[in-house]
Amino acid sequence: MTTTCAHVAELGPEPVPTTPEGCQDCLADGGRWVHLRLCLGCGKVACCDSSPAKHASKHFAGEGHPIMRSFEPGETWRWCFVDNTVV
């Protein structure tokens, strides 16, 4: 189920992915990921919480960008870290 939150209204055009080939941080440090997320605030590609390093959550904690979307082929859902919901 998709809900709305105030953070969706703050989104601009979808940013260009920084590393379309995979998680930016895992690529840099030789890590691995399970699924990818795209930060809709800055375009950073990061790994999900099922991945060992959980870079998407760490990006939110460090940068405060509230919404990421799935960066998996065929998936379009978005997650708001602040409201803890699919938007």
PDB file of N, CA and C in Angstrom:
ATOM      1  N   MET A   1       0.846  -1.175   0.000  1.00  0.00           N
ATOM      2  CA  MET A   1       0.000   0.000   0.000  1.00  0.00           C
ATOM      3  C   MET A   1       0.896   1.245   0.000  1.00  0.00           C
ATOM      4  N   THR A   2       0.573   2.183  -0.851  1.00  0.00           N
ATOM      5  CA  THR A   2       1.329   3.423  -0.950  1.00  0.00           C
ATOM      6  C   THR A   2       0.585   4.532  -0.225  1.00  0.00           C
ATOM      7  N   THR A   3       1.327   5.310   0.547  1.00  0.00           N
ATOM      8  CA  THR A   3       0.757   6.457   1.231  1.00  0.00           C
ATOM      9  C   THR A   3       1.460   7.710   0.723  1.00  0.00           C
ATOM     10  N   THR A   4       1.030   8.839   1.227  1.00  0.00           N
ATOM     11  CA  THR A   4       1.715  10.079   0.867  1.00  0.00           C
ATOM     12  C   THR A   4       2.340  10.668   2.120  1.00  0.00           C
ATOM     13  N   CYS A   5       3.323  11.515   1.897  1.00  0.00           N
ATOM     14  CA  CYS A   5       3.953  12.216   3.005  1.00  0.00           C
ATOM     15  C   CYS A   5       4.373  13.585   2.493  1.00  0.00           C
ATOM     16  N   ALA A   6       4.658  14.484   3.406  1.00  0.00           N
ATOM     17  CA  ALA A   6       5.036  15.852   3.027  1.00  0.00           C
ATOM     18  C   ALA A   6       6.332  15.890   2.235  1.00  0.00           C
ATOM     19  N   HIS A   7       7.178  14.894   2.402  1.00  0.00           N
ATOM     20  CA  HIS A   7       8.477  14.883   1.733  1.00  0.00           C
ATOM     21  C   HIS A   7       8.366  14.681   0.226  1.00  0.00           C
ATOM     22  N   VAL A   8       7.301  14.029  -0.232  1.00  0.00           N
ATOM     23  CA  VAL A   8       7.102  13.808  -1.672  1.00  0.00           C
ATOM     24  C   VAL A   8       6.968  15.153  -2.386  1.00  0.00           C
ATOM     25  N   ALA A   9       6.287  16.101  -1.770  1.00  0.00           N
ATOM     26  CA  ALA A   9       6.084  17.415  -2.384  1.00  0.00           C
ATOM     27  C   ALA A   9       7.400  18.181  -2.536  1.00  0.00           C
ATOM     28  N   GLU A  10       8.411  17.810  -1.766  1.00  0.00           N
ATOM     29  CA  GLU A  10       9.706  18.482  -1.817  1.00  0.00           C
ATOM     30  C   GLU A  10      10.618  17.943  -2.923  1.00  0.00           C
ATOM     31  N   LEU A  11      10.213  16.850  -3.561  1.00  0.00           N
ATOM     32  CA  LEU A  11      11.053  16.236  -4.590  1.00  0.00           C
ATOM     33  C   LEU A  11      11.074  17.076  -5.857  1.00  0.00           C
ATOM     34  N   GLY A  12      12.235  17.189  -6.446  1.00  0.00           N
ATOM     35  CA  GLY A  12      12.382  17.837  -7.748  1.00  0.00           C
ATOM     36  C   GLY A  12      12.411  16.757  -8.816  1.00  0.00           C
ATOM     37  N   PRO A  13      12.956  17.074  -9.983  1.00  0.00           N
ATOM     38  CA  PRO A  13      13.116  16.053 -11.017  1.00  0.00           C
ATOM     39  C   PRO A  13      14.016  14.930 -10.505  1.00  0.00           C
ATOM     40  N   GLU A  14      13.792  13.734 -11.003  1.00  0.00           N
ATOM     41  CA  GLU A  14      14.617  12.614 -10.548  1.00  0.00           C
ATOM     42  C   GLU A  14      16.074  12.851 -10.930  1.00  0.00           C
ATOM     43  N   PRO A  15      16.972  12.721  -9.964  1.00  0.00           N
ATOM     44  CA  PRO A  15      18.391  12.964 -10.246  1.00  0.00           C
ATOM     45  C   PRO A  15      19.016  11.844 -11.069  1.00  0.00           C
ATOM     46  N   VAL A  16      20.104  12.161 -11.713  1.00  0.00           N
ATOM     47  CA  VAL A  16      20.872  11.177 -12.472  1.00  0.00           C
ATOM     48  C   VAL A  16      21.608  10.285 -11.468  1.00  0.00           C
ATOM     49  N   PRO A  17      21.526   8.958 -11.622  1.00  0.00           N
ATOM     50  CA  PRO A  17      22.240   8.067 -10.709  1.00  0.00           C
ATOM     51  C   PRO A  17      23.752   8.285 -10.773  1.00  0.00           C
ATOM     52  N   THR A  18      24.392   8.359  -9.609  1.00  0.00           N
ATOM     53  CA  THR A  18      25.833   8.582  -9.552  1.00  0.00           C
ATOM     54  C   THR A  18      26.618   7.389 -10.071  1.00  0.00           C
ATOM     55  N   THR A  19      26.170   6.196  -9.742  1.00  0.00           N
ATOM     56  CA  THR A  19      26.843   4.969 -10.176  1.00  0.00           C
ATOM     57  C   THR A  19      25.785   3.962 -10.620  1.00  0.00           C
ATOM     58  N   PRO A  20      25.305   4.069 -11.860  1.00  0.00           N
ATOM     59  CA  PRO A  20      24.244   3.162 -12.314  1.00  0.00           C
ATOM     60  C   PRO A  20      24.650   1.691 -12.302  1.00  0.00           C
ATOM     61  N   GLU A  21      25.946   1.416 -12.200  1.00  0.00           N
ATOM     62  CA  GLU A  21      26.413   0.030 -12.197  1.00  0.00           C
ATOM     63  C   GLU A  21      26.319  -0.649 -10.834  1.00  0.00           C
ATOM     64  N   GLY A  22      26.020   0.110  -9.771  1.00  0.00           N
ATOM     65  CA  GLY A  22      25.881  -0.515  -8.461  1.00  0.00           C
ATOM     66  C   GLY A  22      26.008   0.476  -7.323  1.00  0.00           C
ATOM     67  N   CYS A  23      26.025  -0.051  -6.112  1.00  0.00           N
ATOM     68  CA  CYS A  23      26.135   0.769  -4.903  1.00  0.00           C
ATOM     69  C   CYS A  23      27.454   1.535  -4.918  1.00  0.00           C
ATOM     70  N   GLN A  24      27.366   2.835  -4.820  1.00  0.00           N
ATOM     71  CA  GLN A  24      28.553   3.699  -4.878  1.00  0.00           C
ATOM     72  C   GLN A  24      29.588   3.317  -3.823  1.00  0.00           C
ATOM     73  N   ASP A  25      29.152   3.120  -2.597  1.00  0.00           N
ATOM     74  CA  ASP A  25      30.083   2.812  -1.513  1.00  0.00           C
ATOM     75  C   ASP A  25      30.626   1.388  -1.612  1.00  0.00           C
ATOM     76  N   CYS A  26      29.788   0.427  -1.975  1.00  0.00           N
ATOM     77  CA  CYS A  26      30.269  -0.950  -2.130  1.00  0.00           C
ATOM     78  C   CYS A  26      31.276  -1.049  -3.269  1.00  0.00           C
ATOM     79  N   LEU A  27      31.016  -0.328  -4.357  1.00  0.00           N
ATOM     80  CA  LEU A  27      31.970  -0.327  -5.464  1.00  0.00           C
ATOM     81  C   LEU A  27      33.312   0.247  -5.011  1.00  0.00           C
ATOM     82  N   ALA A  28      33.279   1.272  -4.173  1.00  0.00           N
ATOM     83  CA  ALA A  28      34.504   1.918  -3.708  1.00  0.00           C
ATOM     84  C   ALA A  28      35.301   1.050  -2.735  1.00  0.00           C
ATOM     85  N   ASP A  29      34.582   0.279  -1.894  1.00  0.00           N
ATOM     86  CA  ASP A  29      35.302  -0.497  -0.874  1.00  0.00           C
ATOM     87  C   ASP A  29      35.309  -1.999  -1.122  1.00  0.00           C
ATOM     88  N   GLY A  30      34.832  -2.429  -2.285  1.00  0.00           N
ATOM     89  CA  GLY A  30      34.866  -3.852  -2.619  1.00  0.00           C
ATOM     90  C   GLY A  30      33.786  -4.669  -1.948  1.00  0.00           C
ATOM     91  N   GLY A  31      32.736  -4.003  -1.471  1.00  0.00           N
ATOM     92  CA  GLY A  31      31.637  -4.702  -0.802  1.00  0.00           C
ATOM     93  C   GLY A  31      30.664  -5.315  -1.801  1.00  0.00           C
ATOM     94  N   ARG A  32      29.621  -5.912  -1.268  1.00  0.00           N
ATOM     95  CA  ARG A  32      28.583  -6.510  -2.116  1.00  0.00           C
ATOM     96  C   ARG A  32      27.212  -6.035  -1.643  1.00  0.00           C
ATOM     97  N   TRP A  33      26.246  -6.122  -2.519  1.00  0.00           N
ATOM     98  CA  TRP A  33      24.897  -5.668  -2.189  1.00  0.00           C
ATOM     99  C   TRP A  33      23.883  -6.708  -2.606  1.00  0.00           C
ATOM    100  N   VAL A  34      22.679  -6.572  -2.036  1.00  0.00           N
ATOM    101  CA  VAL A  34      21.558  -7.449  -2.374  1.00  0.00           C
ATOM    102  C   VAL A  34      20.636  -6.717  -3.346  1.00  0.00           C
ATOM    103  N   HIS A  35      20.152  -5.553  -2.957  1.00  0.00           N
ATOM    104  CA  HIS A  35      19.288  -4.726  -3.798  1.00  0.00           C
ATOM    105  C   HIS A  35      19.780  -3.291  -3.739  1.00  0.00           C
ATOM    106  N   LEU A  36      19.422  -2.526  -4.758  1.00  0.00           N
ATOM    107  CA  LEU A  36      19.886  -1.142  -4.848  1.00  0.00           C
ATOM    108  C   LEU A  36      18.756  -0.151  -4.662  1.00  0.00           C
ATOM    109  N   ARG A  37      19.107   1.017  -4.139  1.00  0.00           N
ATOM    110  CA  ARG A  37      18.187   2.130  -3.943  1.00  0.00           C
ATOM    111  C   ARG A  37      18.804   3.387  -4.561  1.00  0.00           C
ATOM    112  N   LEU A  38      17.936   4.286  -5.037  1.00  0.00           N
ATOM    113  CA  LEU A  38      18.374   5.562  -5.611  1.00  0.00           C
ATOM    114  C   LEU A  38      17.863   6.687  -4.731  1.00  0.00           C
ATOM    115  N   CYS A  39      18.756   7.500  -4.206  1.00  0.00           N
ATOM    116  CA  CYS A  39      18.356   8.657  -3.406  1.00  0.00           C
ATOM    117  C   CYS A  39      17.728   9.684  -4.340  1.00  0.00           C
ATOM    118  N   LEU A  40      16.508  10.075  -4.046  1.00  0.00           N
ATOM    119  CA  LEU A  40      15.819  11.049  -4.885  1.00  0.00           C
ATOM    120  C   LEU A  40      16.189  12.482  -4.515  1.00  0.00           C
ATOM    121  N   GLY A  41      17.058  12.640  -3.539  1.00  0.00           N
ATOM    122  CA  GLY A  41      17.564  13.957  -3.188  1.00  0.00           C
ATOM    123  C   GLY A  41      18.824  14.318  -3.956  1.00  0.00           C
ATOM    124  N   CYS A  42      19.690  13.310  -4.186  1.00  0.00           N
ATOM    125  CA  CYS A  42      20.990  13.621  -4.791  1.00  0.00           C
ATOM    126  C   CYS A  42      21.442  12.658  -5.877  1.00  0.00           C
ATOM    127  N   GLY A  43      20.763  11.527  -6.032  1.00  0.00           N
ATOM    128  CA  GLY A  43      21.144  10.577  -7.076  1.00  0.00           C
ATOM    129  C   GLY A  43      22.116   9.499  -6.638  1.00  0.00           C
ATOM    130  N   LYS A  44      22.460   9.463  -5.361  1.00  0.00           N
ATOM    131  CA  LYS A  44      23.373   8.414  -4.893  1.00  0.00           C
ATOM    132  C   LYS A  44      22.702   7.054  -5.008  1.00  0.00           C
ATOM    133  N   VAL A  45      23.439   6.079  -5.531  1.00  0.00           N
ATOM    134  CA  VAL A  45      22.977   4.697  -5.579  1.00  0.00           C
ATOM    135  C   VAL A  45      23.578   3.993  -4.366  1.00  0.00           C
ATOM    136  N   ALA A  46      22.724   3.368  -3.565  1.00  0.00           N
ATOM    137  CA  ALA A  46      23.161   2.743  -2.321  1.00  0.00           C
ATOM    138  C   ALA A  46      22.459   1.398  -2.146  1.00  0.00           C
ATOM    139  N   CYS A  47      23.019   0.560  -1.290  1.00  0.00           N
ATOM    140  CA  CYS A  47      22.455  -0.776  -1.080  1.00  0.00           C
ATOM    141  C   CYS A  47      21.405  -0.765   0.041  1.00  0.00           C
ATOM    142  N   CYS A  48      20.520  -1.744  -0.033  1.00  0.00           N
ATOM    143  CA  CYS A  48      19.387  -1.841   0.888  1.00  0.00           C
ATOM    144  C   CYS A  48      19.799  -2.393   2.253  1.00  0.00           C
ATOM    145  N   ASP A  49      18.848  -2.463   3.164  1.00  0.00           N
ATOM    146  CA  ASP A  49      19.113  -2.967   4.506  1.00  0.00           C
ATOM    147  C   ASP A  49      19.298  -4.481   4.555  1.00  0.00           C
ATOM    148  N   SER A  50      18.999  -5.194   3.479  1.00  0.00           N
ATOM    149  CA  SER A  50      19.308  -6.624   3.411  1.00  0.00           C
ATOM    150  C   SER A  50      20.763  -6.854   3.017  1.00  0.00           C
ATOM    151  N   SER A  51      21.425  -5.806   2.570  1.00  0.00           N
ATOM    152  CA  SER A  51      22.833  -5.873   2.196  1.00  0.00           C
ATOM    153  C   SER A  51      23.696  -5.716   3.444  1.00  0.00           C
ATOM    154  N   PRO A  52      24.901  -6.286   3.440  1.00  0.00           N
ATOM    155  CA  PRO A  52      25.742  -6.226   4.639  1.00  0.00           C
ATOM    156  C   PRO A  52      26.016  -4.806   5.152  1.00  0.00           C
ATOM    157  N   ALA A  53      26.267  -3.845   4.266  1.00  0.00           N
ATOM    158  CA  ALA A  53      26.666  -2.510   4.718  1.00  0.00           C
ATOM    159  C   ALA A  53      25.509  -1.528   4.897  1.00  0.00           C
ATOM    160  N   LYS A  54      24.346  -1.815   4.352  1.00  0.00           N
ATOM    161  CA  LYS A  54      23.152  -0.973   4.535  1.00  0.00           C
ATOM    162  C   LYS A  54      23.424   0.496   4.199  1.00  0.00           C
ATOM    163  N   HIS A  55      24.047   0.738   3.050  1.00  0.00           N
ATOM    164  CA  HIS A  55      24.454   2.095   2.709  1.00  0.00           C
ATOM    165  C   HIS A  55      23.296   3.067   2.488  1.00  0.00           C
ATOM    166  N   ALA A  56      22.120   2.591   2.054  1.00  0.00           N
ATOM    167  CA  ALA A  56      20.988   3.503   1.860  1.00  0.00           C
ATOM    168  C   ALA A  56      20.571   4.113   3.201  1.00  0.00           C
ATOM    169  N   SER A  57      20.446   3.300   4.220  1.00  0.00           N
ATOM    170  CA  SER A  57      20.079   3.808   5.550  1.00  0.00           C
ATOM    171  C   SER A  57      21.167   4.718   6.107  1.00  0.00           C
ATOM    172  N   LYS A  58      22.425   4.361   5.866  1.00  0.00           N
ATOM    173  CA  LYS A  58      23.528   5.199   6.336  1.00  0.00           C
ATOM    174  C   LYS A  58      23.536   6.545   5.612  1.00  0.00           C
ATOM    175  N   HIS A  59      23.167   6.532   4.336  1.00  0.00           N
ATOM    176  CA  HIS A  59      23.098   7.789   3.585  1.00  0.00           C
ATOM    177  C   HIS A  59      22.015   8.693   4.174  1.00  0.00           C
ATOM    178  N   PHE A  60      20.852   8.118   4.457  1.00  0.00           N
ATOM    179  CA  PHE A  60      19.788   8.914   5.083  1.00  0.00           C
ATOM    180  C   PHE A  60      20.255   9.471   6.424  1.00  0.00           C
ATOM    181  N   ALA A  61      20.879   8.633   7.251  1.00  0.00           N
ATOM    182  CA  ALA A  61      21.330   9.079   8.571  1.00  0.00           C
ATOM    183  C   ALA A  61      22.357  10.200   8.464  1.00  0.00           C
ATOM    184  N   GLY A  62      23.208  10.134   7.468  1.00  0.00           N
ATOM    185  CA  GLY A  62      24.254  11.132   7.336  1.00  0.00           C
ATOM    186  C   GLY A  62      23.845  12.386   6.597  1.00  0.00           C
ATOM    187  N   GLU A  63      23.014  12.241   5.589  1.00  0.00           N
ATOM    188  CA  GLU A  63      22.653  13.374   4.723  1.00  0.00           C
ATOM    189  C   GLU A  63      21.247  13.903   4.978  1.00  0.00           C
ATOM    190  N   GLY A  64      20.365  13.063   5.512  1.00  0.00           N
ATOM    191  CA  GLY A  64      19.001  13.496   5.792  1.00  0.00           C
ATOM    192  C   GLY A  64      18.082  13.516   4.582  1.00  0.00           C
ATOM    193  N   HIS A  65      18.511  12.968   3.464  1.00  0.00           N
ATOM    194  CA  HIS A  65      17.631  12.910   2.289  1.00  0.00           C
ATOM    195  C   HIS A  65      16.555  11.861   2.558  1.00  0.00           C
ATOM    196  N   PRO A  66      15.291  12.267   2.613  1.00  0.00           N
ATOM    197  CA  PRO A  66      14.262  11.380   3.141  1.00  0.00           C
ATOM    198  C   PRO A  66      13.774  10.262   2.222  1.00  0.00           C
ATOM    199  N   ILE A  67      13.805  10.445   0.906  1.00  0.00           N
ATOM    200  CA  ILE A  67      13.146   9.467   0.034  1.00  0.00           C
ATOM    201  C   ILE A  67      14.129   8.821  -0.930  1.00  0.00           C
ATOM    202  N   MET A  68      14.043   7.494  -0.986  1.00  0.00           N
ATOM    203  CA  MET A  68      14.770   6.715  -1.972  1.00  0.00           C
ATOM    204  C   MET A  68      13.755   5.863  -2.710  1.00  0.00           C
ATOM    205  N   ARG A  69      14.113   5.513  -3.936  1.00  0.00           N
ATOM    206  CA  ARG A  69      13.270   4.580  -4.675  1.00  0.00           C
ATOM    207  C   ARG A  69      14.078   3.343  -4.990  1.00  0.00           C
ATOM    208  N   SER A  70      13.364   2.271  -5.275  1.00  0.00           N
ATOM    209  CA  SER A  70      14.052   1.062  -5.683  1.00  0.00           C
ATOM    210  C   SER A  70      14.817   1.358  -6.960  1.00  0.00           C
ATOM    211  N   PHE A  71      16.016   0.832  -7.065  1.00  0.00           N
ATOM    212  CA  PHE A  71      16.819   0.964  -8.268  1.00  0.00           C
ATOM    213  C   PHE A  71      16.979  -0.404  -8.929  1.00  0.00           C
ATOM    214  N   GLU A  72      15.980  -1.250  -8.699  1.00  0.00           N
ATOM    215  CA  GLU A  72      15.945  -2.581  -9.299  1.00  0.00           C
ATOM    216  C   GLU A  72      15.100  -2.531 -10.568  1.00  0.00           C
ATOM    217  N   PRO A  73      15.503  -3.261 -11.605  1.00  0.00           N
ATOM    218  CA  PRO A  73      14.736  -3.258 -12.859  1.00  0.00           C
ATOM    219  C   PRO A  73      13.270  -3.624 -12.627  1.00  0.00           C
ATOM    220  N   GLY A  74      12.370  -2.837 -13.200  1.00  0.00           N
ATOM    221  CA  GLY A  74      10.932  -3.100 -13.116  1.00  0.00           C
ATOM    222  C   GLY A  74      10.259  -2.653 -11.836  1.00  0.00           C
ATOM    223  N   GLU A  75      11.007  -2.127 -10.870  1.00  0.00           N
ATOM    224  CA  GLU A  75      10.422  -1.672  -9.613  1.00  0.00           C
ATOM    225  C   GLU A  75      10.397  -0.148  -9.577  1.00  0.00           C
ATOM    226  N   THR A  76       9.281   0.413  -9.104  1.00  0.00           N
ATOM    227  CA  THR A  76       9.143   1.870  -9.070  1.00  0.00           C
ATOM    228  C   THR A  76       8.772   2.416  -7.691  1.00  0.00           C
ATOM    229  N   TRP A  77       8.697   1.570  -6.677  1.00  0.00           N
ATOM    230  CA  TRP A  77       8.261   2.033  -5.360  1.00  0.00           C
ATOM    231  C   TRP A  77       9.313   2.940  -4.723  1.00  0.00           C
ATOM    232  N   ARG A  78       8.813   3.812  -3.846  1.00  0.00           N
ATOM    233  CA  ARG A  78       9.663   4.765  -3.127  1.00  0.00           C
ATOM    234  C   ARG A  78       9.448   4.595  -1.627  1.00  0.00           C
ATOM    235  N   TRP A  79      10.499   4.862  -0.852  1.00  0.00           N
ATOM    236  CA  TRP A  79      10.450   4.718   0.604  1.00  0.00           C
ATOM    237  C   TRP A  79      10.839   6.044   1.259  1.00  0.00           C
ATOM    238  N   CYS A  80      10.028   6.472   2.219  1.00  0.00           N
ATOM    239  CA  CYS A  80      10.358   7.651   3.015  1.00  0.00           C
ATOM    240  C   CYS A  80      10.923   7.177   4.341  1.00  0.00           C
ATOM    241  N   PHE A  81      12.198   7.484   4.589  1.00  0.00           N
ATOM    242  CA  PHE A  81      12.841   7.089   5.840  1.00  0.00           C
ATOM    243  C   PHE A  81      12.270   7.841   7.028  1.00  0.00           C
ATOM    244  N   VAL A  82      11.861   9.079   6.848  1.00  0.00           N
ATOM    245  CA  VAL A  82      11.329   9.877   7.958  1.00  0.00           C
ATOM    246  C   VAL A  82       9.986   9.309   8.426  1.00  0.00           C
ATOM    247  N   ASP A  83       9.092   9.065   7.473  1.00  0.00           N
ATOM    248  CA  ASP A  83       7.757   8.581   7.812  1.00  0.00           C
ATOM    249  C   ASP A  83       7.660   7.058   7.864  1.00  0.00           C
ATOM    250  N   ASN A  84       8.778   6.376   7.524  1.00  0.00           N
ATOM    251  CA  ASN A  84       8.834   4.920   7.603  1.00  0.00           C
ATOM    252  C   ASN A  84       7.695   4.263   6.816  1.00  0.00           C
ATOM    253  N   THR A  85       7.542   4.710   5.552  1.00  0.00           N
ATOM    254  CA  THR A  85       6.437   4.191   4.748  1.00  0.00           C
ATOM    255  C   THR A  85       6.757   4.241   3.254  1.00  0.00           C
ATOM    256  N   VAL A  86       6.070   3.401   2.496  1.00  0.00           N
ATOM    257  CA  VAL A  86       6.144   3.451   1.038  1.00  0.00           C
ATOM    258  C   VAL A  86       5.298   4.629   0.575  1.00  0.00           C
ATOM    259  N   VAL A  87       5.877   5.455  -0.305  1.00  0.00           N
ATOM    260  CA  VAL A  87       5.157   6.638  -0.800  1.00  0.00           C
ATOM    261  C   VAL A  87       5.119   6.671  -2.318  1.00  0.00           C
TER     262      VAL A  87
END
